[in-house]
């Protein structure tokens, strides 16, 4: 019984990782000077810099804005991951026990 449950859980985890990889989020810093795109599996997919909105000679500013944008996108990715995990846990519980999924928030 528990073997089947664990096997199912492992399969659910694989499906979850694939789903998270397909969900993208984007954050920006410096009024759009730097945009970072990531997926809900917390992988950075793209970084774009608008040279018209930033002084590329001021590397400290560029670095600071990159850090801000990356932290924002990781926060958004984490929120999406938590949302999808909540859905997965709710789907695994027998009928009438959906309230137990709130324990995993």
Foldseek 3Di string as FASTA:
>chain_A
DVVVVVVVVVVLVVVLLVVQQVAKDKFFFQVRQWMWMHTLNLGTDDIDGDCVRDPPVPVVVVVVRVVVRSVVRNVVSPVVSLVVVLVSVLVPDPPPVSVVSVVVD
